Protein backbone atom coordinates (compact mmCIF):
# COMPACT_ATOMS: atom_id res chain seq x y z
CA MET A 1 0.00 -0.26 -0.08
CA ASN A 2 1.38 3.75 -0.97
CA VAL A 3 0.64 5.90 2.05
CA LEU A 4 1.06 9.78 1.47
CA ILE A 5 1.46 11.36 5.18
CA VAL A 6 1.16 15.43 5.06
CA HIS A 7 2.71 16.61 8.46
CA ALA A 8 1.69 20.37 9.12
CA HIS A 9 3.58 21.53 12.62
CA PRO A 10 6.30 23.89 12.79
CA GLU A 11 8.36 22.32 15.72
CA PRO A 12 10.28 19.59 14.66
CA ARG A 13 10.59 18.42 18.49
CA SER A 14 6.86 18.51 18.58
CA PHE A 15 4.69 15.35 19.99
CA ASN A 16 2.97 15.48 16.35
CA ARG A 17 6.50 15.06 14.73
CA ALA A 18 6.39 11.93 17.13
CA LEU A 19 3.31 10.53 15.81
CA LEU A 20 4.69 11.07 12.00
CA ASP A 21 7.86 9.22 12.93
CA THR A 22 6.06 6.49 14.67
CA ALA A 23 3.80 6.25 11.96
CA VAL A 24 6.61 6.07 9.15
CA ARG A 25 8.47 3.46 11.20
CA THR A 26 5.20 0.96 11.73
CA LEU A 27 4.08 1.55 8.52
CA GLY A 28 7.48 0.58 6.56
CA GLU A 29 7.75 -2.32 9.36
CA GLN A 30 4.21 -3.42 7.73
CA GLY A 31 5.85 -3.36 4.31
CA HIS A 32 3.89 -0.23 3.06
CA GLN A 33 5.53 2.42 0.83
CA VAL A 34 5.18 5.71 2.90
CA VAL A 35 5.75 9.22 1.11
CA VAL A 36 6.05 12.26 3.63
CA SER A 37 4.98 16.07 2.98
CA ASP A 38 6.63 18.21 5.74
CA LEU A 39 4.92 21.39 5.01
CA TYR A 40 7.08 23.49 7.08
CA ALA A 41 10.31 21.74 6.60
CA MET A 42 9.18 22.25 2.85
CA GLY A 43 8.74 26.04 3.35
CA PHE A 44 5.36 24.99 1.21
CA ASN A 45 3.33 28.29 0.30
CA PRO A 46 -0.02 28.30 1.09
CA VAL A 47 -1.43 31.12 -0.46
CA ALA A 48 -3.45 30.26 -3.55
CA GLY A 49 -2.65 32.86 -6.50
CA PRO A 50 -2.38 33.69 -9.99
CA ASP A 51 1.15 32.44 -10.48
CA ASP A 52 -0.05 28.70 -9.62
CA PHE A 53 -0.43 28.13 -13.21
CA SER A 54 2.25 28.27 -16.29
CA GLU A 55 -0.31 29.75 -18.70
CA ARG A 56 -4.10 31.09 -17.62
CA ARG A 57 -7.55 30.79 -19.33
CA PHE A 58 -8.73 34.03 -17.83
CA PRO A 59 -5.75 36.59 -17.69
CA ASP A 60 -7.70 39.85 -16.95
CA ALA A 61 -9.50 38.11 -13.35
CA LEU A 62 -8.59 35.21 -11.61
CA GLN A 63 -11.24 32.69 -11.54
CA TYR A 64 -9.03 30.23 -9.57
CA ASP A 65 -11.29 26.97 -9.62
CA ARG A 66 -11.73 27.46 -13.59
CA GLU A 67 -7.95 27.79 -13.91
CA GLN A 68 -7.50 25.02 -12.05
CA LYS A 69 -9.77 22.64 -14.29
CA GLN A 70 -7.84 24.03 -17.07
CA ALA A 71 -4.42 23.28 -15.62
CA SER A 72 -5.89 19.72 -14.96
CA GLN A 73 -6.34 19.35 -18.94
CA ARG A 74 -3.17 21.04 -19.96
CA GLY A 75 -0.77 19.89 -17.36
CA SER A 76 -0.05 23.66 -16.41
CA PHE A 77 0.20 23.81 -12.80
CA VAL A 78 3.34 25.16 -11.34
CA PRO A 79 5.79 22.60 -10.22
CA ASP A 80 5.38 22.61 -6.64
CA ILE A 81 1.74 21.98 -6.92
CA GLN A 82 2.38 19.16 -9.53
CA GLN A 83 4.46 17.36 -7.32
CA GLU A 84 1.84 17.16 -4.58
CA ILE A 85 -0.94 16.18 -6.83
CA ASP A 86 1.51 13.25 -8.11
CA LYS A 87 1.62 12.29 -4.61
CA LEU A 88 -1.69 12.70 -4.11
CA LEU A 89 -2.76 10.31 -7.14
CA ALA A 90 -0.30 7.80 -6.01
CA CYS A 91 -1.58 7.09 -2.60
CA ASP A 92 -3.67 4.22 -1.37
CA LEU A 93 -3.86 5.93 2.18
CA LEU A 94 -3.73 9.90 2.77
CA ILE A 95 -2.99 10.55 6.47
CA LEU A 96 -2.99 14.42 8.12
CA GLN A 97 -1.08 14.91 10.81
CA PHE A 98 -1.70 18.29 12.50
CA PRO A 99 -2.51 19.95 15.94
CA LEU A 100 -6.08 20.90 15.73
CA TRP A 101 -5.91 24.85 15.46
CA TRP A 102 -9.63 26.81 15.94
CA PHE A 103 -11.55 23.19 15.26
CA SER A 104 -9.34 23.15 12.28
CA VAL A 105 -6.09 22.35 10.45
CA PRO A 106 -3.13 25.03 10.56
CA ALA A 107 -2.90 27.51 7.80
CA ILE A 108 -0.56 26.12 5.89
CA LEU A 109 -2.37 22.80 5.60
CA LYS A 110 -5.49 24.48 4.46
CA GLY A 111 -3.54 25.98 2.00
CA TRP A 112 -2.09 22.48 0.60
CA ILE A 113 -5.63 21.30 0.58
CA ASP A 114 -6.75 24.39 -1.40
CA ARG A 115 -3.84 24.48 -4.06
CA VAL A 116 -3.75 20.50 -4.28
CA PHE A 117 -7.36 18.99 -4.10
CA VAL A 118 -7.93 20.92 -7.56
CA ASN A 119 -10.78 21.23 -9.76
CA GLY A 120 -10.79 18.58 -12.52
CA LEU A 121 -9.11 16.02 -10.85
CA VAL A 122 -10.16 15.61 -7.55
CA TYR A 123 -13.77 17.13 -8.01
CA GLY A 124 -16.10 19.12 -10.37
CA ALA A 125 -15.67 17.90 -14.17
CA GLY A 126 -18.17 15.24 -15.06
CA GLY A 127 -19.91 15.21 -11.63
CA LYS A 128 -16.83 14.05 -9.41
CA ARG A 129 -17.90 14.31 -6.19
CA PHE A 130 -18.58 11.91 -2.83
CA ASP A 131 -18.72 8.30 -4.05
CA GLN A 132 -18.02 9.53 -7.96
CA GLY A 133 -15.13 11.80 -6.62
CA GLY A 134 -11.86 11.91 -8.44
CA LEU A 135 -10.00 10.23 -5.33
CA ARG A 136 -12.56 7.20 -5.18
CA GLY A 137 -10.79 3.94 -4.54
CA ARG A 138 -8.68 5.63 -1.86
CA ARG A 139 -8.82 6.21 1.48
CA ALA A 140 -7.94 9.03 4.13
CA MET A 141 -7.85 9.47 7.51
CA LEU A 142 -6.86 12.35 10.24
CA SER A 143 -4.20 12.21 13.20
CA PHE A 144 -3.97 15.31 15.46
CA THR A 145 -3.72 16.41 18.69
CA THR A 146 -5.64 18.65 20.71
CA GLY A 147 -5.47 20.99 23.73
CA CYS A 148 -8.63 19.89 25.27
CA PHE A 149 -9.95 16.41 27.25
CA PRO A 150 -12.24 13.75 25.46
CA ALA A 151 -15.21 14.74 27.36
CA MET A 152 -14.96 18.05 25.79
CA MET A 153 -15.70 16.45 22.60
CA ASP A 154 -18.65 14.35 23.66
CA SER A 155 -21.74 14.92 22.17
CA ASP A 156 -22.79 17.00 25.22
CA GLY A 157 -19.42 18.33 25.80
CA LEU A 158 -18.39 21.69 25.50
CA LEU A 159 -16.85 22.26 22.23
CA GLY A 160 -19.61 19.67 20.88
CA GLU A 161 -19.59 16.33 19.04
CA ARG A 162 -15.84 15.20 17.59
CA ASP A 163 -17.24 13.84 14.18
CA VAL A 164 -19.29 17.31 14.10
CA ILE A 165 -16.27 19.56 14.83
CA LEU A 166 -14.42 17.53 11.81
CA TRP A 167 -17.34 17.44 9.36
CA HIS A 168 -15.74 20.23 7.05
CA LEU A 169 -12.76 18.07 6.63
CA GLN A 170 -13.89 14.21 6.72
CA HIS A 171 -17.08 15.07 4.92
CA GLY A 172 -16.30 18.36 2.99
CA VAL A 173 -12.68 17.61 2.01
CA PHE A 174 -12.33 13.81 2.29
CA GLY A 175 -16.02 12.95 1.53
CA TYR A 176 -16.55 15.46 -1.31
CA SER A 177 -13.40 13.98 -3.31
CA GLY A 178 -14.21 10.42 -3.17
CA LEU A 179 -12.28 9.48 -0.26
CA GLN A 180 -13.02 6.68 2.14
CA VAL A 181 -13.08 8.17 5.51
CA LEU A 182 -11.21 6.02 8.43
CA PRO A 183 -12.11 6.86 12.02
CA PRO A 184 -9.45 9.81 12.95
CA PHE A 185 -6.69 9.16 15.75
CA VAL A 186 -6.67 11.55 18.36
CA GLY A 187 -3.66 12.67 21.12
CA TRP A 188 -5.99 13.99 24.01
CA ALA A 189 -4.66 17.25 25.91
CA ILE A 190 -1.22 16.80 24.94
CA GLN A 191 0.42 19.69 27.00
CA TYR A 192 -1.50 18.12 29.99
CA SER A 193 -0.11 14.69 29.53
CA ASP A 194 2.89 12.90 31.21
CA GLU A 195 5.49 11.04 29.47
CA ALA A 196 3.80 7.95 30.09
CA GLN A 197 0.47 9.10 28.74
CA ARG A 198 2.36 10.17 25.35
CA ALA A 199 4.14 6.80 25.33
CA ALA A 200 1.04 4.99 25.51
CA TYR A 201 -0.56 7.20 22.61
CA LEU A 202 2.47 6.66 20.30
CA ASP A 203 1.87 2.45 21.09
CA ALA A 204 -1.98 3.32 20.46
CA TYR A 205 -1.20 4.60 16.93
CA ALA A 206 1.42 1.93 16.37
CA GLN A 207 -1.08 -0.63 16.89
CA ARG A 208 -3.86 1.04 14.81
CA LEU A 209 -1.75 1.50 12.07
CA ARG A 210 -0.60 -2.27 12.14
CA GLY A 211 -4.22 -3.02 11.46
CA ILE A 212 -4.95 0.10 8.94
CA GLU A 213 -5.62 -2.34 5.73
CA GLY A 214 -8.73 -3.85 7.66
CA ASP A 215 -10.15 -0.31 9.37
CA SER A 216 -13.65 0.14 8.12
CA PRO A 217 -14.65 3.49 6.80
CA MET A 218 -16.90 5.59 8.77
CA PRO A 219 -20.50 5.80 7.34
CA ALA A 220 -21.45 7.84 4.33
CA HIS A 221 -24.13 8.54 2.11
CA PRO A 222 -23.59 7.66 -1.72
CA LEU A 223 -24.91 10.56 -3.98
CA SER A 224 -27.83 7.73 -4.93
CA ASP A 225 -29.35 8.35 -1.34
CA PHE A 226 -30.48 11.88 -2.21
CA GLY A 227 -33.28 12.76 -4.60
CA PRO A 228 -33.66 15.57 -7.10
CA ASP A 229 -34.28 18.19 -4.55
CA TRP A 230 -31.10 17.62 -2.95
CA ARG A 231 -32.17 16.08 0.04
CA LEU A 232 -31.99 12.12 1.36
CA ARG A 233 -34.95 10.28 -0.45
CA PRO A 234 -37.60 9.37 2.32
CA GLU A 235 -36.40 5.80 2.50
CA VAL A 236 -33.22 6.47 3.61
CA ALA A 237 -32.20 6.89 7.09
CA SER A 238 -29.59 9.39 7.56
CA ARG A 239 -26.68 7.91 9.28
CA THR A 240 -23.82 10.67 9.63
CA ALA A 241 -22.74 13.31 11.92
CA GLY A 242 -23.97 15.93 9.89
CA HIS A 243 -27.34 14.49 8.15
CA ARG A 244 -30.64 14.28 10.05
CA ARG A 245 -34.13 15.18 8.83
CA ALA A 246 -35.51 18.56 7.86
CA ALA A 247 -38.54 19.30 10.24
CA ALA A 248 -41.84 18.67 8.50
CA ALA A 249 -43.48 22.05 7.44
CA PRO A 250 -47.00 22.47 8.96
CA THR A 251 -49.78 21.39 7.07
CA THR A 252 -52.23 23.81 8.58
CA ARG A 253 -52.42 27.60 9.73
CA PRO A 254 -51.60 27.81 13.10
CA ASP A 255 -54.25 29.77 15.30
CA LEU A 256 -53.42 33.39 15.46
């Protein structure tokens, strides 16, 4: 299996780095081929802009997604983008490794997504989205650290349910692109953890990765579950963190 790990932490001595090193070592021991994009070490440019293309379809006003579509067809991405696209398309499993900042990824990783998950290849042309997305047949997972404790991300927790917090990444990025989404790995409250707890997280991550090929994807809805009104068909039960039935509109006028 070919694995791409995209690492986004500015401190090379961080616990995220320890998780990355554990993943590279463990997956290698299992016979998998591992490629790492260490975004800070690479000096990756996260800012999408007109210089991302060696030629332009609309030179007078930047329409970024439409320029991506043309570049996908003509091979006119600049080298730093094309190299990452090649890594992405070659992988069977994508892992994003990062600290959770403001309920999301660090800016450098968001920029990687913006510039590498391109229109025309990953989504867009020919109805590429969700189970028909350009990355279908591949899998992806999040591996991240937090400053909060697990109870804070329970369904009744202070911050809200974990998979609701992660919806924009697991559904809006991975799922939309056709990737099957594996449950995330979380290192909780790292700055409040002692060495024994951190070692336990590393052991748990290694154990998870040893069996990663047998992991079951999280529930998802294929496009066929939705009707022409873009809503779940009446006979389909919602089964994800972000789908639920809309309340039925009243059929009679309420008393005034």
